[in-house]
Amino acid sequence: MKPDAERSGIASRLLEHIITEAKAVGFTRLSLETGTAEFFLPARSLYGTFAFVPCEPYADYRPDPSSTFMTKTL
């Protein structure tokens, strides 16, 4: 990410839009996978701010020490 784009709110606005659209089409849950490395800490923090919580792997995912799974009930 470019330093001038950091902390500009773009990621929050994109996530808000995704959540709004998911609700509009009738989704009842959003789930995601992201990394466990420190590099991904800002992403995990953002998801937590939007009430995503850790969860078990879903769909075809398997437990992986490099993956963090999160979900949000809509």
PDB file of N, CA and C in Angstrom:
ATOM      1  N   MET A   1       0.851  -1.172   0.000  1.00  0.00           N
ATOM      2  CA  MET A   1       0.000   0.000   0.000  1.00  0.00           C
ATOM      3  C   MET A   1       0.896   1.234   0.000  1.00  0.00           C
ATOM      4  N   LYS A   2       0.508   2.224  -0.740  1.00  0.00           N
ATOM      5  CA  LYS A   2       1.239   3.481  -0.737  1.00  0.00           C
ATOM      6  C   LYS A   2       1.083   4.172   0.611  1.00  0.00           C
ATOM      7  N   PRO A   3       2.147   4.755   1.141  1.00  0.00           N
ATOM      8  CA  PRO A   3       2.030   5.440   2.437  1.00  0.00           C
ATOM      9  C   PRO A   3       0.959   6.530   2.460  1.00  0.00           C
ATOM     10  N   ASP A   4       0.748   7.228   1.344  1.00  0.00           N
ATOM     11  CA  ASP A   4      -0.253   8.298   1.352  1.00  0.00           C
ATOM     12  C   ASP A   4      -1.686   7.769   1.356  1.00  0.00           C
ATOM     13  N   ALA A   5      -1.845   6.479   1.087  1.00  0.00           N
ATOM     14  CA  ALA A   5      -3.186   5.882   1.114  1.00  0.00           C
ATOM     15  C   ALA A   5      -3.508   5.266   2.474  1.00  0.00           C
ATOM     16  N   GLU A   6      -2.479   5.051   3.300  1.00  0.00           N
ATOM     17  CA  GLU A   6      -2.706   4.442   4.602  1.00  0.00           C
ATOM     18  C   GLU A   6      -3.569   5.343   5.482  1.00  0.00           C
ATOM     19  N   ARG A   7      -4.465   4.691   6.221  1.00  0.00           N
ATOM     20  CA  ARG A   7      -5.327   5.389   7.187  1.00  0.00           C
ATOM     21  C   ARG A   7      -6.243   6.428   6.543  1.00  0.00           C
ATOM     22  N   SER A   8      -6.572   6.223   5.272  1.00  0.00           N
ATOM     23  CA  SER A   8      -7.453   7.175   4.595  1.00  0.00           C
ATOM     24  C   SER A   8      -8.921   6.774   4.689  1.00  0.00           C
ATOM     25  N   GLY A   9      -9.200   5.577   5.197  1.00  0.00           N
ATOM     26  CA  GLY A   9     -10.582   5.128   5.344  1.00  0.00           C
ATOM     27  C   GLY A   9     -11.123   4.351   4.167  1.00  0.00           C
ATOM     28  N   ILE A  10     -10.303   4.138   3.147  1.00  0.00           N
ATOM     29  CA  ILE A  10     -10.784   3.432   1.958  1.00  0.00           C
ATOM     30  C   ILE A  10     -11.212   2.009   2.304  1.00  0.00           C
ATOM     31  N   ALA A  11     -10.405   1.296   3.064  1.00  0.00           N
ATOM     32  CA  ALA A  11     -10.739  -0.092   3.407  1.00  0.00           C
ATOM     33  C   ALA A  11     -12.046  -0.163   4.195  1.00  0.00           C
ATOM     34  N   SER A  12     -12.244   0.767   5.117  1.00  0.00           N
ATOM     35  CA  SER A  12     -13.490   0.785   5.893  1.00  0.00           C
ATOM     36  C   SER A  12     -14.685   1.049   5.002  1.00  0.00           C
ATOM     37  N   ARG A  13     -14.546   1.976   4.090  1.00  0.00           N
ATOM     38  CA  ARG A  13     -15.663   2.278   3.188  1.00  0.00           C
ATOM     39  C   ARG A  13     -15.979   1.097   2.277  1.00  0.00           C
ATOM     40  N   LEU A  14     -14.951   0.407   1.797  1.00  0.00           N
ATOM     41  CA  LEU A  14     -15.183  -0.773   0.966  1.00  0.00           C
ATOM     42  C   LEU A  14     -15.887  -1.869   1.761  1.00  0.00           C
ATOM     43  N   LEU A  15     -15.431  -2.101   2.976  1.00  0.00           N
ATOM     44  CA  LEU A  15     -16.048  -3.137   3.800  1.00  0.00           C
ATOM     45  C   LEU A  15     -17.486  -2.763   4.154  1.00  0.00           C
ATOM     46  N   GLU A  16     -17.743  -1.519   4.469  1.00  0.00           N
ATOM     47  CA  GLU A  16     -19.124  -1.063   4.719  1.00  0.00           C
ATOM     48  C   GLU A  16     -20.002  -1.332   3.509  1.00  0.00           C
ATOM     49  N   HIS A  17     -19.488  -1.051   2.326  1.00  0.00           N
ATOM     50  CA  HIS A  17     -20.252  -1.277   1.093  1.00  0.00           C
ATOM     51  C   HIS A  17     -20.544  -2.765   0.901  1.00  0.00           C
ATOM     52  N   ILE A  18     -19.533  -3.611   1.111  1.00  0.00           N
ATOM     53  CA  ILE A  18     -19.729  -5.054   0.965  1.00  0.00           C
ATOM     54  C   ILE A  18     -20.802  -5.547   1.940  1.00  0.00           C
ATOM     55  N   ILE A  19     -20.743  -5.108   3.180  1.00  0.00           N
ATOM     56  CA  ILE A  19     -21.720  -5.523   4.188  1.00  0.00           C
ATOM     57  C   ILE A  19     -23.117  -5.053   3.810  1.00  0.00           C
ATOM     58  N   THR A  20     -23.235  -3.809   3.384  1.00  0.00           N
ATOM     59  CA  THR A  20     -24.534  -3.263   2.972  1.00  0.00           C
ATOM     60  C   THR A  20     -25.119  -4.050   1.806  1.00  0.00           C
ATOM     61  N   GLU A  21     -24.297  -4.331   0.804  1.00  0.00           N
ATOM     62  CA  GLU A  21     -24.776  -5.078  -0.360  1.00  0.00           C
ATOM     63  C   GLU A  21     -25.139  -6.512   0.011  1.00  0.00           C
ATOM     64  N   ALA A  22     -24.354  -7.127   0.878  1.00  0.00           N
ATOM     65  CA  ALA A  22     -24.660  -8.497   1.304  1.00  0.00           C
ATOM     66  C   ALA A  22     -26.014  -8.551   1.999  1.00  0.00           C
ATOM     67  N   LYS A  23     -26.265  -7.589   2.868  1.00  0.00           N
ATOM     68  CA  LYS A  23     -27.574  -7.522   3.539  1.00  0.00           C
ATOM     69  C   LYS A  23     -28.690  -7.298   2.525  1.00  0.00           C
ATOM     70  N   ALA A  24     -28.456  -6.429   1.557  1.00  0.00           N
ATOM     71  CA  ALA A  24     -29.484  -6.086   0.562  1.00  0.00           C
ATOM     72  C   ALA A  24     -29.895  -7.290  -0.281  1.00  0.00           C
ATOM     73  N   VAL A  25     -28.969  -8.212  -0.536  1.00  0.00           N
ATOM     74  CA  VAL A  25     -29.313  -9.387  -1.337  1.00  0.00           C
ATOM     75  C   VAL A  25     -29.742 -10.573  -0.479  1.00  0.00           C
ATOM     76  N   GLY A  26     -29.795 -10.372   0.841  1.00  0.00           N
ATOM     77  CA  GLY A  26     -30.338 -11.393   1.719  1.00  0.00           C
ATOM     78  C   GLY A  26     -29.329 -12.322   2.383  1.00  0.00           C
ATOM     79  N   PHE A  27     -28.041 -12.010   2.305  1.00  0.00           N
ATOM     80  CA  PHE A  27     -27.063 -12.833   3.010  1.00  0.00           C
ATOM     81  C   PHE A  27     -27.310 -12.702   4.504  1.00  0.00           C
ATOM     82  N   THR A  28     -27.072 -13.765   5.228  1.00  0.00           N
ATOM     83  CA  THR A  28     -27.229 -13.737   6.679  1.00  0.00           C
ATOM     84  C   THR A  28     -25.894 -13.849   7.406  1.00  0.00           C
ATOM     85  N   ARG A  29     -24.826 -14.112   6.647  1.00  0.00           N
ATOM     86  CA  ARG A  29     -23.501 -14.258   7.238  1.00  0.00           C
ATOM     87  C   ARG A  29     -22.457 -13.934   6.181  1.00  0.00           C
ATOM     88  N   LEU A  30     -21.382 -13.303   6.625  1.00  0.00           N
ATOM     89  CA  LEU A  30     -20.191 -13.118   5.793  1.00  0.00           C
ATOM     90  C   LEU A  30     -19.033 -13.787   6.514  1.00  0.00           C
ATOM     91  N   SER A  31     -18.234 -14.536   5.782  1.00  0.00           N
ATOM     92  CA  SER A  31     -17.065 -15.181   6.358  1.00  0.00           C
ATOM     93  C   SER A  31     -15.864 -14.874   5.478  1.00  0.00           C
ATOM     94  N   LEU A  32     -14.690 -14.844   6.109  1.00  0.00           N
ATOM     95  CA  LEU A  32     -13.482 -14.510   5.369  1.00  0.00           C
ATOM     96  C   LEU A  32     -12.289 -15.266   5.914  1.00  0.00           C
ATOM     97  N   GLU A  33     -11.251 -15.300   5.109  1.00  0.00           N
ATOM     98  CA  GLU A  33      -9.975 -15.884   5.494  1.00  0.00           C
ATOM     99  C   GLU A  33      -8.914 -14.833   5.244  1.00  0.00           C
ATOM    100  N   THR A  34      -8.016 -14.682   6.187  1.00  0.00           N
ATOM    101  CA  THR A  34      -6.886 -13.781   6.026  1.00  0.00           C
ATOM    102  C   THR A  34      -5.675 -14.428   6.699  1.00  0.00           C
ATOM    103  N   GLY A  35      -4.539 -13.801   6.550  1.00  0.00           N
ATOM    104  CA  GLY A  35      -3.311 -14.378   7.078  1.00  0.00           C
ATOM    105  C   GLY A  35      -3.140 -14.179   8.573  1.00  0.00           C
ATOM    106  N   THR A  36      -2.206 -14.947   9.134  1.00  0.00           N
ATOM    107  CA  THR A  36      -1.901 -14.838  10.552  1.00  0.00           C
ATOM    108  C   THR A  36      -0.636 -14.023  10.811  1.00  0.00           C
ATOM    109  N   ALA A  37       0.135 -13.767   9.773  1.00  0.00           N
ATOM    110  CA  ALA A  37       1.382 -13.017   9.941  1.00  0.00           C
ATOM    111  C   ALA A  37       1.096 -11.594  10.405  1.00  0.00           C
ATOM    112  N   GLU A  38       2.092 -10.989  11.031  1.00  0.00           N
ATOM    113  CA  GLU A  38       1.929  -9.622  11.541  1.00  0.00           C
ATOM    114  C   GLU A  38       1.519  -8.647  10.441  1.00  0.00           C
ATOM    115  N   PHE A  39       1.943  -8.919   9.207  1.00  0.00           N
ATOM    116  CA  PHE A  39       1.566  -8.089   8.064  1.00  0.00           C
ATOM    117  C   PHE A  39       0.052  -7.932   7.951  1.00  0.00           C
ATOM    118  N   PHE A  40      -0.701  -8.952   8.351  1.00  0.00           N
ATOM    119  CA  PHE A  40      -2.163  -8.954   8.238  1.00  0.00           C
ATOM    120  C   PHE A  40      -2.864  -8.374   9.462  1.00  0.00           C
ATOM    121  N   LEU A  41      -2.120  -7.954  10.474  1.00  0.00           N
ATOM    122  CA  LEU A  41      -2.732  -7.408  11.683  1.00  0.00           C
ATOM    123  C   LEU A  41      -3.676  -6.242  11.399  1.00  0.00           C
ATOM    124  N   PRO A  42      -3.328  -5.286  10.536  1.00  0.00           N
ATOM    125  CA  PRO A  42      -4.286  -4.205  10.242  1.00  0.00           C
ATOM    126  C   PRO A  42      -5.604  -4.727   9.655  1.00  0.00           C
ATOM    127  N   ALA A  43      -5.523  -5.735   8.812  1.00  0.00           N
ATOM    128  CA  ALA A  43      -6.750  -6.304   8.237  1.00  0.00           C
ATOM    129  C   ALA A  43      -7.584  -6.974   9.324  1.00  0.00           C
ATOM    130  N   ARG A  44      -6.947  -7.783  10.161  1.00  0.00           N
ATOM    131  CA  ARG A  44      -7.693  -8.458  11.233  1.00  0.00           C
ATOM    132  C   ARG A  44      -8.308  -7.441  12.190  1.00  0.00           C
ATOM    133  N   SER A  45      -7.596  -6.377  12.455  1.00  0.00           N
ATOM    134  CA  SER A  45      -8.125  -5.319  13.317  1.00  0.00           C
ATOM    135  C   SER A  45      -9.343  -4.652  12.678  1.00  0.00           C
ATOM    136  N   LEU A  46      -9.244  -4.358  11.402  1.00  0.00           N
ATOM    137  CA  LEU A  46     -10.374  -3.753  10.686  1.00  0.00           C
ATOM    138  C   LEU A  46     -11.595  -4.671  10.758  1.00  0.00           C
ATOM    139  N   TYR A  47     -11.410  -5.952  10.468  1.00  0.00           N
ATOM    140  CA  TYR A  47     -12.539  -6.879  10.507  1.00  0.00           C
ATOM    141  C   TYR A  47     -13.141  -6.940  11.910  1.00  0.00           C
ATOM    142  N   GLY A  48     -12.310  -6.922  12.925  1.00  0.00           N
ATOM    143  CA  GLY A  48     -12.808  -6.920  14.298  1.00  0.00           C
ATOM    144  C   GLY A  48     -13.629  -5.674  14.598  1.00  0.00           C
ATOM    145  N   THR A  49     -13.209  -4.538  14.070  1.00  0.00           N
ATOM    146  CA  THR A  49     -13.956  -3.294  14.240  1.00  0.00           C
ATOM    147  C   THR A  49     -15.363  -3.411  13.659  1.00  0.00           C
ATOM    148  N   PHE A  50     -15.499  -4.236  12.626  1.00  0.00           N
ATOM    149  CA  PHE A  50     -16.795  -4.425  11.983  1.00  0.00           C
ATOM    150  C   PHE A  50     -17.515  -5.672  12.509  1.00  0.00           C
ATOM    151  N   ALA A  51     -17.129  -6.129  13.694  1.00  0.00           N
ATOM    152  CA  ALA A  51     -17.791  -7.226  14.409  1.00  0.00           C
ATOM    153  C   ALA A  51     -17.590  -8.602  13.777  1.00  0.00           C
ATOM    154  N   PHE A  52     -16.545  -8.778  12.985  1.00  0.00           N
ATOM    155  CA  PHE A  52     -16.167 -10.112  12.559  1.00  0.00           C
ATOM    156  C   PHE A  52     -15.473 -10.774  13.744  1.00  0.00           C
ATOM    157  N   VAL A  53     -15.759 -12.043  13.966  1.00  0.00           N
ATOM    158  CA  VAL A  53     -15.156 -12.779  15.076  1.00  0.00           C
ATOM    159  C   VAL A  53     -14.475 -14.031  14.525  1.00  0.00           C
ATOM    160  N   PRO A  54     -13.478 -14.525  15.229  1.00  0.00           N
ATOM    161  CA  PRO A  54     -12.819 -15.757  14.784  1.00  0.00           C
ATOM    162  C   PRO A  54     -13.822 -16.906  14.691  1.00  0.00           C
ATOM    163  N   CYS A  55     -13.581 -17.778  13.729  1.00  0.00           N
ATOM    164  CA  CYS A  55     -14.445 -18.946  13.546  1.00  0.00           C
ATOM    165  C   CYS A  55     -13.612 -20.110  13.027  1.00  0.00           C
ATOM    166  N   GLU A  56     -14.234 -21.251  12.957  1.00  0.00           N
ATOM    167  CA  GLU A  56     -13.603 -22.435  12.388  1.00  0.00           C
ATOM    168  C   GLU A  56     -13.520 -22.281  10.871  1.00  0.00           C
ATOM    169  N   PRO A  57     -12.630 -23.039  10.232  1.00  0.00           N
ATOM    170  CA  PRO A  57     -12.600 -23.020   8.765  1.00  0.00           C
ATOM    171  C   PRO A  57     -13.964 -23.391   8.202  1.00  0.00           C
ATOM    172  N   TYR A  58     -14.281 -22.867   7.063  1.00  0.00           N
ATOM    173  CA  TYR A  58     -15.591 -23.090   6.441  1.00  0.00           C
ATOM    174  C   TYR A  58     -15.375 -23.533   5.000  1.00  0.00           C
ATOM    175  N   ALA A  59     -16.460 -23.949   4.364  1.00  0.00           N
ATOM    176  CA  ALA A  59     -16.444 -24.418   2.974  1.00  0.00           C
ATOM    177  C   ALA A  59     -15.359 -25.497   2.838  1.00  0.00           C
ATOM    178  N   ASP A  60     -14.477 -25.363   1.862  1.00  0.00           N
ATOM    179  CA  ASP A  60     -13.431 -26.366   1.628  1.00  0.00           C
ATOM    180  C   ASP A  60     -12.125 -26.055   2.344  1.00  0.00           C
ATOM    181  N   TYR A  61     -12.112 -25.011   3.169  1.00  0.00           N
ATOM    182  CA  TYR A  61     -10.894 -24.683   3.908  1.00  0.00           C
ATOM    183  C   TYR A  61     -10.593 -25.753   4.956  1.00  0.00           C
ATOM    184  N   ARG A  62      -9.329 -25.896   5.245  1.00  0.00           N
ATOM    185  CA  ARG A  62      -8.869 -26.792   6.300  1.00  0.00           C
ATOM    186  C   ARG A  62      -8.098 -25.948   7.310  1.00  0.00           C
ATOM    187  N   PRO A  63      -7.980 -26.396   8.533  1.00  0.00           N
ATOM    188  CA  PRO A  63      -7.155 -25.645   9.493  1.00  0.00           C
ATOM    189  C   PRO A  63      -5.755 -25.435   8.919  1.00  0.00           C
ATOM    190  N   ASP A  64      -5.242 -24.235   9.109  1.00  0.00           N
ATOM    191  CA  ASP A  64      -3.937 -23.871   8.564  1.00  0.00           C
ATOM    192  C   ASP A  64      -3.325 -22.817   9.482  1.00  0.00           C
ATOM    193  N   PRO A  65      -2.128 -23.034   9.968  1.00  0.00           N
ATOM    194  CA  PRO A  65      -1.528 -22.050  10.869  1.00  0.00           C
ATOM    195  C   PRO A  65      -1.257 -20.698  10.205  1.00  0.00           C
ATOM    196  N   SER A  66      -1.318 -20.647   8.890  1.00  0.00           N
ATOM    197  CA  SER A  66      -1.110 -19.391   8.165  1.00  0.00           C
ATOM    198  C   SER A  66      -2.416 -18.661   7.880  1.00  0.00           C
ATOM    199  N   SER A  67      -3.538 -19.230   8.299  1.00  0.00           N
ATOM    200  CA  SER A  67      -4.844 -18.638   7.997  1.00  0.00           C
ATOM    201  C   SER A  67      -5.615 -18.329   9.268  1.00  0.00           C
ATOM    202  N   THR A  68      -6.308 -17.204   9.226  1.00  0.00           N
ATOM    203  CA  THR A  68      -7.265 -16.817  10.254  1.00  0.00           C
ATOM    204  C   THR A  68      -8.627 -16.761   9.581  1.00  0.00           C
ATOM    205  N   PHE A  69      -9.607 -17.398  10.191  1.00  0.00           N
ATOM    206  CA  PHE A  69     -10.965 -17.405   9.661  1.00  0.00           C
ATOM    207  C   PHE A  69     -11.831 -16.551  10.558  1.00  0.00           C
ATOM    208  N   MET A  70     -12.667 -15.718   9.946  1.00  0.00           N
ATOM    209  CA  MET A  70     -13.529 -14.824  10.708  1.00  0.00           C
ATOM    210  C   MET A  70     -14.909 -14.812  10.072  1.00  0.00           C
ATOM    211  N   THR A  71     -15.922 -14.511  10.882  1.00  0.00           N
ATOM    212  CA  THR A  71     -17.295 -14.484  10.385  1.00  0.00           C
ATOM    213  C   THR A  71     -18.068 -13.373  11.071  1.00  0.00           C
ATOM    214  N   LYS A  72     -19.145 -12.974  10.418  1.00  0.00           N
ATOM    215  CA  LYS A  72     -20.034 -11.928  10.938  1.00  0.00           C
ATOM    216  C   LYS A  72     -21.461 -12.312  10.582  1.00  0.00           C
ATOM    217  N   THR A  73     -22.318 -12.340  11.578  1.00  0.00           N
ATOM    218  CA  THR A  73     -23.750 -12.555  11.329  1.00  0.00           C
ATOM    219  C   THR A  73     -24.349 -11.212  10.921  1.00  0.00           C
ATOM    220  N   LEU A  74     -25.133 -11.241   9.862  1.00  0.00           N
ATOM    221  CA  LEU A  74     -25.746 -10.005   9.372  1.00  0.00           C
ATOM    222  C   LEU A  74     -27.163  -9.853   9.881  1.00  0.00           C
TER     223      LEU A  74
END
